[in-house]
Amino acid sequence: MTRRRRPSRGWPAPPPRWARGLTLGLTLMGTPLGFSCGGPRDGAAPAAAAGDGADDGILHWTCPMHPAVTATGQTPCPLCKMDLVPVRADAQAAGEVVIDPLTRARFGLALVPVERRLVQQRLRAPAWVVADPARRRAFPAPVDLEVAAVHLPGAAGGVSAVEPMLTLRLPPGASAQELRRLRAFVGLGADAPADAPLVLRAPGPGLVPGPLPAVGARLRAGEALLEHVDLAEVLVELELHADDLPLAVPGSVAFFEAAAPPRHHGRKRAPADRFRGTLHAHPAALDPRTRHGRAMARVENPDGLLVPGAALEAELEVVWGSVVVVPDSAVISTGARDLVFLAGPGDALRPVEVDVGRRGDGLVEIQSGLKPGDEVVGRGAFFVAAESRLRTPFRLGGADGPGDGAGDGP
């Protein structure tokens, strides 16, 4: 039989582990950036009493956890019972916040340098082959004729250059002039034998979408025999995200790989390793549901291996050039403007409005507002934004209210 261990005299029994964990959790939840539960930031001067704010430039008092709570003096917050802290006019006008190194380390804040570097980015996107409408050609019958044979396996079949498609013949009683017109239609020259078969051949690698005429069918002059889509050059549509679509500049080089071996004339053939194309246009509108848009590229396809509907994987090489960049985690987009927190003298962090350009590979191009050598908050910028009151309606919308551009300067 085990005996319960009695606490030693003079010291109370230690609390259980769950009680110690609960106490630590409540302590951390009630401690905002740079403030403790008992009052102002460590090392700060004692708060002035109620009524003395005008002498120190204090505008009002607010809760560090609930910025919407304001008062004219230092009283407990009605929501969390924390002591209110002063908001001074100069600090609010500049949006500057001072966070000591210990607090930065505790909350994982890190500064990163602003750099100028040569940025090359590669984008990968799904793509598929579509036929170029400008390369679609119809073959109407030049004279009254009959179809003697069909050499294609069926509708929507692929053909190679000069591959036989149809064998034609004239009906009984046709004139010599009609024979000359039909021979010229199928490409027979004056030096061809008189008994040469009248075979209509494909003008190049392509696709015959169908339908095909039946053997023995009679067609009058002007009726459609078939259509041929030239695949010597095809169009490829790329699906890009809204953030990547501006990088798909017309004239950029793109490479394509077949996601699966394409079928050609009913037989599988090994495609080329890579197909090279050039972007030439993309629509301005985006799909509001997926936030994606489509770019278009022209790809040379001399062997006709790429057929409409074939799935491809696209890779774009985008060169930004020598630009000023920061990590994308350093930029806070409020909708109306983009901000970063610039490290100042001492432990001060000041919000600075910047003009951003391209985004990708975890980087953001800075067009104005920063220079190489500056240091900005690269990790934990949103925590600093909360400390700087940037999320309040006053800071986001200016003095005239949310969404108004007045007073939006940092």
Protein backbone atom coordinates (compact mmCIF):
# COMPACT_ATOMS: atom_id res chain seq x y z
CA MET A 1 0.00 0.00 0.00
CA THR A 2 1.48 3.30 -1.13
CA ARG A 3 1.40 6.23 1.19
CA ARG A 4 0.55 9.68 -0.05
CA ARG A 5 3.45 12.03 0.03
CA ARG A 6 2.91 14.86 2.49
CA PRO A 7 4.28 18.30 1.70
CA SER A 8 7.21 19.51 3.73
CA ARG A 9 6.48 21.96 6.47
CA GLY A 10 6.90 25.62 5.69
CA TRP A 11 6.30 25.26 1.88
CA PRO A 12 2.92 24.75 0.18
CA ALA A 13 2.42 21.83 -2.16
CA PRO A 14 3.35 22.61 -5.81
CA PRO A 15 0.39 23.11 -8.16
CA PRO A 16 -0.39 20.37 -10.69
CA ARG A 17 0.98 20.59 -14.25
CA TRP A 18 -2.35 21.51 -15.81
CA ALA A 19 -2.68 24.49 -13.48
CA ARG A 20 0.81 25.72 -14.33
CA GLY A 21 0.13 25.39 -18.07
CA LEU A 22 -3.17 27.24 -17.77
CA THR A 23 -1.50 30.07 -15.86
CA LEU A 24 1.24 30.41 -18.49
CA GLY A 25 -1.29 30.40 -21.35
CA LEU A 26 -3.42 33.09 -19.76
CA THR A 27 -0.33 35.19 -19.14
CA LEU A 28 0.79 34.99 -22.79
CA MET A 29 -2.72 35.69 -24.13
CA GLY A 30 -2.97 38.82 -22.10
CA THR A 31 0.43 40.19 -23.16
CA PRO A 32 0.42 42.22 -26.41
CA LEU A 33 3.46 43.46 -28.30
CA GLY A 34 5.57 45.56 -26.00
CA PHE A 35 2.96 45.72 -23.22
CA SER A 36 2.40 43.70 -20.11
CA CYS A 37 -0.88 42.97 -18.38
CA GLY A 38 -0.08 45.29 -15.52
CA GLY A 39 0.50 48.51 -17.43
CA PRO A 40 2.65 50.18 -20.07
CA ARG A 41 5.65 48.82 -21.95
CA ASP A 42 8.65 47.70 -19.92
CA GLY A 43 11.01 50.59 -19.32
CA ALA A 44 8.44 53.23 -20.22
CA ALA A 45 7.80 56.15 -17.98
CA PRO A 46 4.84 55.83 -15.59
CA ALA A 47 1.56 56.88 -17.17
CA ALA A 48 0.28 60.30 -16.37
CA ALA A 49 -2.80 60.59 -14.27
CA ALA A 50 -6.17 61.37 -15.77
CA GLY A 51 -6.42 65.02 -16.66
CA ASP A 52 -2.68 65.45 -17.24
CA GLY A 53 -2.78 64.24 -20.88
CA ALA A 54 -2.86 67.71 -22.40
CA ASP A 55 0.54 68.57 -20.94
CA ASP A 56 2.20 65.48 -22.45
CA GLY A 57 0.52 65.67 -25.87
CA ILE A 58 -1.78 62.73 -25.12
CA LEU A 59 -4.79 62.61 -27.41
CA HIS A 60 -6.63 59.82 -25.64
CA TRP A 61 -6.14 56.49 -23.91
CA THR A 62 -6.81 53.13 -25.58
CA CYS A 63 -6.58 49.42 -24.91
CA PRO A 64 -3.62 47.68 -26.58
CA MET A 65 -5.81 44.64 -27.24
CA HIS A 66 -8.98 46.51 -28.25
CA PRO A 67 -8.06 49.73 -30.13
CA ALA A 68 -11.74 50.66 -30.50
CA VAL A 69 -11.91 51.28 -26.73
CA THR A 70 -10.91 54.87 -25.96
CA ALA A 71 -11.13 57.02 -22.85
CA THR A 72 -9.99 60.40 -21.60
CA GLY A 73 -8.00 58.92 -18.74
CA GLN A 74 -6.19 55.77 -17.62
CA THR A 75 -8.91 53.35 -16.62
CA PRO A 76 -9.25 49.56 -16.97
CA CYS A 77 -10.52 48.27 -20.32
CA PRO A 78 -14.16 47.24 -19.99
CA LEU A 79 -13.50 44.19 -22.19
CA CYS A 80 -10.26 42.67 -20.87
CA LYS A 81 -9.63 44.78 -17.70
CA MET A 82 -6.15 45.76 -18.90
CA ASP A 83 -4.89 49.25 -18.10
CA LEU A 84 -5.35 51.69 -20.98
CA VAL A 85 -2.22 53.18 -22.55
CA PRO A 86 -1.71 56.73 -23.87
CA VAL A 87 -1.87 57.67 -27.55
CA ARG A 88 0.24 60.76 -28.26
CA ALA A 89 -0.23 63.14 -31.16
CA ASP A 90 3.28 62.82 -32.62
CA ALA A 91 3.25 59.01 -32.51
CA GLN A 92 -0.15 58.79 -34.13
CA ALA A 93 0.77 61.22 -36.90
CA ALA A 94 3.89 59.25 -37.84
CA GLY A 95 2.54 55.77 -37.06
CA GLU A 96 5.89 55.05 -35.46
CA VAL A 97 6.23 52.30 -32.89
CA VAL A 98 9.16 51.40 -30.66
CA ILE A 99 9.72 47.70 -29.95
CA ASP A 100 12.74 46.67 -27.91
CA PRO A 101 14.99 43.78 -29.04
CA LEU A 102 13.72 41.46 -26.31
CA THR A 103 10.14 41.85 -27.45
CA ARG A 104 11.19 41.43 -31.09
CA ALA A 105 12.89 38.14 -30.27
CA ARG A 106 9.94 36.96 -28.20
CA PHE A 107 7.47 37.49 -31.05
CA GLY A 108 9.79 36.41 -33.88
CA LEU A 109 10.23 39.80 -35.54
CA ALA A 110 13.14 40.02 -37.98
CA LEU A 111 14.65 42.80 -40.09
CA VAL A 112 15.77 42.19 -43.67
CA PRO A 113 17.81 44.46 -45.96
CA VAL A 114 16.40 46.11 -49.07
CA GLU A 115 18.44 44.80 -52.01
CA ARG A 116 18.98 45.52 -55.68
CA ARG A 117 19.47 42.31 -57.58
CA LEU A 118 19.01 40.68 -60.96
CA VAL A 119 15.80 38.66 -60.74
CA GLN A 120 14.93 35.84 -63.12
CA GLN A 121 11.70 34.01 -62.53
CA ARG A 122 10.26 30.81 -63.93
CA LEU A 123 6.53 30.29 -64.12
CA ARG A 124 4.90 26.92 -64.62
CA ALA A 125 1.32 26.66 -65.77
CA PRO A 126 -1.05 24.17 -67.39
CA ALA A 127 -1.68 24.63 -71.11
CA TRP A 128 -3.49 23.00 -73.99
CA VAL A 129 -3.31 23.10 -77.78
CA VAL A 130 -5.98 24.84 -79.85
CA ALA A 131 -6.26 25.12 -83.61
CA ASP A 132 -5.53 28.44 -85.29
CA PRO A 133 -8.74 29.56 -87.05
CA ALA A 134 -6.64 31.37 -89.65
CA ARG A 135 -5.14 28.02 -90.73
CA ARG A 136 -8.46 26.33 -91.36
CA ARG A 137 -9.00 25.65 -95.09
CA ALA A 138 -12.07 24.32 -96.86
CA PHE A 139 -11.90 22.20 -100.04
CA PRO A 140 -15.00 22.76 -102.20
CA ALA A 141 -15.55 20.62 -105.28
CA PRO A 142 -14.31 22.52 -108.39
CA VAL A 143 -16.64 20.59 -110.72
CA ASP A 144 -19.28 17.90 -110.51
CA LEU A 145 -17.42 14.82 -109.32
CA GLU A 146 -17.61 11.48 -107.52
CA VAL A 147 -15.62 10.16 -104.52
CA ALA A 148 -13.78 7.03 -105.60
CA ALA A 149 -11.97 6.29 -102.32
CA VAL A 150 -11.49 7.71 -98.80
CA HIS A 151 -7.98 7.23 -97.41
CA LEU A 152 -8.54 8.68 -93.94
CA PRO A 153 -9.43 6.39 -91.03
CA GLY A 154 -12.31 8.60 -89.93
CA ALA A 155 -13.41 12.04 -88.91
CA ALA A 156 -11.07 14.18 -86.78
CA GLY A 157 -8.06 12.23 -88.02
CA GLY A 158 -4.54 13.59 -88.26
CA VAL A 159 -2.68 13.67 -91.55
CA SER A 160 0.91 14.23 -92.58
CA ALA A 161 2.11 16.41 -95.41
CA VAL A 162 1.15 15.10 -98.90
CA GLU A 163 -0.70 12.18 -97.30
CA PRO A 164 -3.62 11.00 -99.50
CA MET A 165 -7.04 12.08 -98.27
CA LEU A 166 -9.49 11.37 -101.12
CA THR A 167 -9.39 9.85 -104.62
CA LEU A 168 -11.78 11.59 -107.00
CA ARG A 169 -13.19 10.85 -110.44
CA LEU A 170 -15.36 12.56 -113.01
CA PRO A 171 -18.82 11.30 -113.79
CA PRO A 172 -19.48 9.92 -117.29
CA GLY A 173 -19.84 12.57 -119.94
CA ALA A 174 -17.50 15.12 -118.31
CA SER A 175 -15.77 17.57 -120.63
CA ALA A 176 -12.04 18.02 -121.14
CA GLN A 177 -12.20 21.42 -119.48
CA GLU A 178 -13.67 19.87 -116.33
CA LEU A 179 -10.86 17.29 -116.37
CA ARG A 180 -8.22 20.04 -116.56
CA ARG A 181 -9.84 21.90 -113.64
CA LEU A 182 -9.98 18.74 -111.50
CA ARG A 183 -6.33 17.87 -112.28
CA ALA A 184 -5.27 21.38 -111.24
CA PHE A 185 -7.39 21.06 -108.07
CA VAL A 186 -5.53 17.92 -106.93
CA GLY A 187 -2.13 19.36 -107.92
CA LEU A 188 -1.35 17.45 -111.11
CA GLY A 189 0.81 19.42 -113.54
CA ALA A 190 0.75 19.45 -117.31
CA ASP A 191 3.60 16.90 -117.42
CA ALA A 192 1.74 14.34 -115.27
CA PRO A 193 0.55 11.17 -117.05
CA ALA A 194 -2.94 11.38 -118.48
CA ASP A 195 -4.04 8.30 -116.52
CA ALA A 196 -2.60 9.53 -113.19
CA PRO A 197 -5.07 9.01 -110.31
CA LEU A 198 -6.87 12.12 -109.12
CA VAL A 199 -5.74 12.00 -105.47
CA LEU A 200 -6.37 14.95 -103.16
CA ARG A 201 -3.43 15.15 -100.75
CA ALA A 202 -2.96 17.06 -97.51
CA PRO A 203 -1.17 20.39 -98.06
CA GLY A 204 0.73 19.94 -94.81
CA PRO A 205 0.62 18.30 -91.39
CA GLY A 206 -2.78 18.88 -89.94
CA LEU A 207 -6.15 17.64 -88.93
CA VAL A 208 -9.28 16.81 -90.89
CA PRO A 209 -12.13 17.62 -88.53
CA GLY A 210 -14.79 15.88 -90.70
CA PRO A 211 -17.36 14.81 -91.62
CA LEU A 212 -15.93 12.90 -94.56
CA PRO A 213 -17.82 12.07 -97.76
CA ALA A 214 -18.78 8.46 -98.36
CA VAL A 215 -17.30 6.35 -101.15
CA GLY A 216 -19.40 6.77 -104.27
CA ALA A 217 -20.90 10.06 -103.15
CA ARG A 218 -21.62 12.57 -105.92
CA LEU A 219 -21.01 16.25 -105.26
CA ARG A 220 -21.90 19.23 -107.35
CA ALA A 221 -19.48 22.06 -108.02
CA GLY A 222 -19.10 24.26 -104.93
CA GLU A 223 -20.16 21.63 -102.37
CA ALA A 224 -17.72 20.99 -99.51
CA LEU A 225 -15.52 17.95 -99.80
CA LEU A 226 -13.73 18.34 -96.47
CA GLU A 227 -11.82 20.79 -94.28
CA HIS A 228 -8.15 20.73 -93.36
CA VAL A 229 -6.60 22.46 -90.33
CA ASP A 230 -2.92 23.19 -90.86
CA LEU A 231 -0.95 22.22 -87.72
CA ALA A 232 2.47 23.40 -88.88
CA GLU A 233 1.95 26.17 -86.32
CA VAL A 234 -0.55 25.88 -83.46
CA LEU A 235 -1.87 28.09 -80.71
CA VAL A 236 -1.36 27.15 -77.07
CA GLU A 237 -3.46 28.62 -74.26
CA LEU A 238 -1.87 29.01 -70.83
CA GLU A 239 -3.86 29.39 -67.63
CA LEU A 240 -2.12 31.83 -65.27
CA HIS A 241 -3.02 33.25 -61.88
CA ALA A 242 -3.92 36.91 -61.61
CA ASP A 243 -0.56 37.65 -59.93
CA ASP A 244 1.39 35.94 -62.73
CA LEU A 245 -0.60 37.16 -65.71
CA PRO A 246 1.12 40.61 -65.87
CA LEU A 247 4.46 38.79 -66.19
CA ALA A 248 3.35 37.10 -69.42
CA VAL A 249 4.51 39.95 -71.65
CA PRO A 250 3.95 39.50 -75.41
CA GLY A 251 7.21 38.43 -77.00
CA SER A 252 8.34 36.35 -74.01
CA VAL A 253 9.70 32.89 -74.76
CA ALA A 254 7.83 29.88 -73.38
CA PHE A 255 8.68 26.18 -73.46
CA PHE A 256 6.12 23.40 -73.53
CA GLU A 257 6.31 19.73 -72.64
CA ALA A 258 3.66 17.17 -73.45
CA ALA A 259 1.82 16.06 -70.33
CA ALA A 260 1.09 12.77 -72.17
CA PRO A 261 2.27 11.40 -75.53
CA PRO A 262 -0.12 12.86 -78.12
CA ARG A 263 -1.89 10.63 -80.62
CA HIS A 264 -1.16 11.19 -84.29
CA HIS A 265 -3.18 9.47 -87.03
CA GLY A 266 -4.43 6.88 -84.55
CA ARG A 267 -0.91 5.82 -83.50
CA LYS A 268 1.19 6.91 -80.55
CA ARG A 269 4.39 8.70 -81.50
CA ALA A 270 7.14 9.96 -79.26
CA PRO A 271 6.88 13.76 -79.13
CA ALA A 272 9.83 16.10 -79.10
CA ASP A 273 11.36 16.79 -75.71
CA ARG A 274 10.30 20.43 -75.69
CA PHE A 275 8.36 22.78 -77.91
CA ARG A 276 9.36 26.41 -78.10
CA GLY A 277 6.80 29.18 -78.49
CA THR A 278 6.34 32.92 -78.20
CA LEU A 279 3.61 34.71 -76.27
CA HIS A 280 1.66 37.13 -78.40
CA ALA A 281 -1.51 38.15 -76.52
CA HIS A 282 -3.57 37.62 -73.39
CA PRO A 283 -7.08 38.82 -72.47
CA ALA A 284 -7.44 41.63 -69.98
CA ALA A 285 -10.45 40.12 -68.20
CA LEU A 286 -10.05 37.58 -65.41
CA ASP A 287 -12.38 34.83 -64.34
CA PRO A 288 -13.86 36.22 -61.09
CA ARG A 289 -14.45 32.74 -59.71
CA THR A 290 -10.93 31.35 -60.15
CA ARG A 291 -8.87 34.58 -60.36
CA HIS A 292 -7.13 33.14 -63.42
CA GLY A 293 -6.63 34.45 -66.94
CA ARG A 294 -5.36 32.96 -70.17
CA ALA A 295 -2.36 33.86 -72.26
CA MET A 296 -1.81 32.75 -75.85
CA ALA A 297 1.38 31.52 -77.51
CA ARG A 298 2.32 30.43 -81.01
CA VAL A 299 4.28 27.19 -81.25
CA GLU A 300 5.98 25.75 -84.33
CA ASN A 301 4.78 22.19 -84.98
CA PRO A 302 6.42 21.01 -88.24
CA ASP A 303 5.84 17.31 -87.54
CA GLY A 304 2.21 17.77 -86.54
CA LEU A 305 2.75 16.06 -83.19
CA LEU A 306 0.70 18.61 -81.28
CA VAL A 307 -3.00 18.26 -82.02
CA PRO A 308 -5.88 20.35 -80.65
CA GLY A 309 -6.85 19.25 -77.16
CA ALA A 310 -3.41 17.94 -76.21
CA ALA A 311 -2.45 18.80 -72.62
CA LEU A 312 0.89 20.53 -72.07
CA GLU A 313 2.96 21.87 -69.21
CA ALA A 314 4.25 25.38 -69.87
CA GLU A 315 7.35 27.03 -68.46
CA LEU A 316 7.95 30.76 -68.89
CA GLU A 317 11.28 32.47 -68.34
CA VAL A 318 10.61 35.97 -67.04
CA VAL A 319 13.52 38.37 -66.54
CA TRP A 320 12.78 41.35 -64.28
CA GLY A 321 16.22 42.86 -64.70
CA SER A 322 18.10 44.70 -61.96
CA VAL A 323 15.38 45.84 -59.55
CA VAL A 324 14.94 46.75 -55.88
CA VAL A 325 13.16 43.94 -54.04
CA VAL A 326 11.98 42.98 -50.57
CA PRO A 327 10.38 39.74 -49.33
CA ASP A 328 6.64 39.59 -49.97
CA SER A 329 6.09 39.08 -46.23
CA ALA A 330 7.41 42.61 -45.64
CA VAL A 331 4.65 44.32 -47.65
CA ILE A 332 1.25 44.95 -46.07
CA SER A 333 -1.49 45.67 -48.60
CA THR A 334 -4.37 47.61 -47.08
CA GLY A 335 -6.31 47.88 -50.34
CA ALA A 336 -5.66 51.57 -50.96
CA ARG A 337 -1.89 51.46 -50.42
CA ASP A 338 1.08 49.18 -49.74
CA LEU A 339 3.19 49.68 -46.62
CA VAL A 340 6.44 48.42 -45.14
CA PHE A 341 7.93 49.10 -41.72
CA LEU A 342 11.27 50.87 -42.04
CA ALA A 343 13.78 50.50 -39.22
CA GLY A 344 14.79 53.87 -37.80
CA PRO A 345 17.15 55.09 -35.09
CA GLY A 346 17.13 53.03 -31.95
CA ASP A 347 14.30 50.54 -31.86
CA ALA A 348 11.82 52.64 -33.85
CA LEU A 349 9.82 51.14 -36.71
CA ARG A 350 8.08 53.59 -39.03
CA PRO A 351 5.45 52.72 -41.69
CA VAL A 352 6.43 53.86 -45.18
CA GLU A 353 4.18 53.80 -48.21
CA VAL A 354 5.76 52.14 -51.26
CA ASP A 355 4.87 51.63 -54.90
CA VAL A 356 5.12 47.94 -55.76
CA GLY A 357 5.58 46.30 -59.14
CA ARG A 358 5.91 42.64 -60.03
CA ARG A 359 5.52 39.81 -57.54
CA GLY A 360 6.83 36.28 -57.67
CA ASP A 361 9.17 33.72 -56.09
CA GLY A 362 8.57 35.29 -52.68
CA LEU A 363 9.79 38.75 -53.80
CA VAL A 364 8.09 42.08 -54.46
CA GLU A 365 9.54 44.76 -56.71
CA ILE A 366 9.75 48.18 -55.03
CA GLN A 367 9.45 50.99 -57.56
CA SER A 368 9.61 53.88 -55.06
CA GLY A 369 9.65 54.50 -51.33
CA LEU A 370 12.78 52.52 -50.39
CA LYS A 371 16.42 52.39 -51.44
CA PRO A 372 19.04 49.63 -51.28
CA GLY A 373 20.59 49.39 -47.84
CA ASP A 374 17.40 50.19 -45.89
CA GLU A 375 16.15 47.66 -43.36
CA VAL A 376 12.49 46.67 -43.12
CA VAL A 377 10.50 44.22 -41.04
CA GLY A 378 10.56 41.02 -43.07
CA ARG A 379 8.90 38.70 -40.58
CA GLY A 380 6.08 39.68 -38.25
CA ALA A 381 5.02 42.83 -40.10
CA PHE A 382 1.36 42.24 -39.29
CA PHE A 383 2.12 42.19 -35.57
CA VAL A 384 3.88 45.52 -35.92
CA ALA A 385 0.93 46.84 -37.93
CA ALA A 386 -1.41 45.97 -35.09
CA GLU A 387 0.88 47.75 -32.65
CA SER A 388 1.04 50.81 -34.90
CA ARG A 389 -2.76 51.04 -35.08
CA LEU A 390 -2.76 50.62 -38.85
CA ARG A 391 -5.79 48.42 -38.65
CA THR A 392 -8.03 51.05 -37.12
CA PRO A 393 -10.50 52.90 -39.40
CA PHE A 394 -8.59 56.15 -38.82
CA ARG A 395 -5.32 54.78 -40.12
CA LEU A 396 -6.79 52.89 -43.06
CA GLY A 397 -9.26 55.44 -44.37
CA GLY A 398 -7.82 58.73 -43.18
CA ALA A 399 -9.56 61.50 -41.31
CA ASP A 400 -12.57 61.48 -43.61
CA GLY A 401 -13.40 57.87 -42.99
CA PRO A 402 -12.58 54.47 -44.48
CA GLY A 403 -11.85 54.35 -48.18
CA ASP A 404 -11.08 58.05 -48.48
CA GLY A 405 -7.63 58.94 -49.66
CA ALA A 406 -7.23 61.96 -47.39
CA GLY A 407 -4.96 61.49 -44.45
CA ASP A 408 -3.60 58.17 -45.70
CA GLY A 409 -0.01 59.22 -45.53
CA PRO A 410 2.13 57.40 -43.01
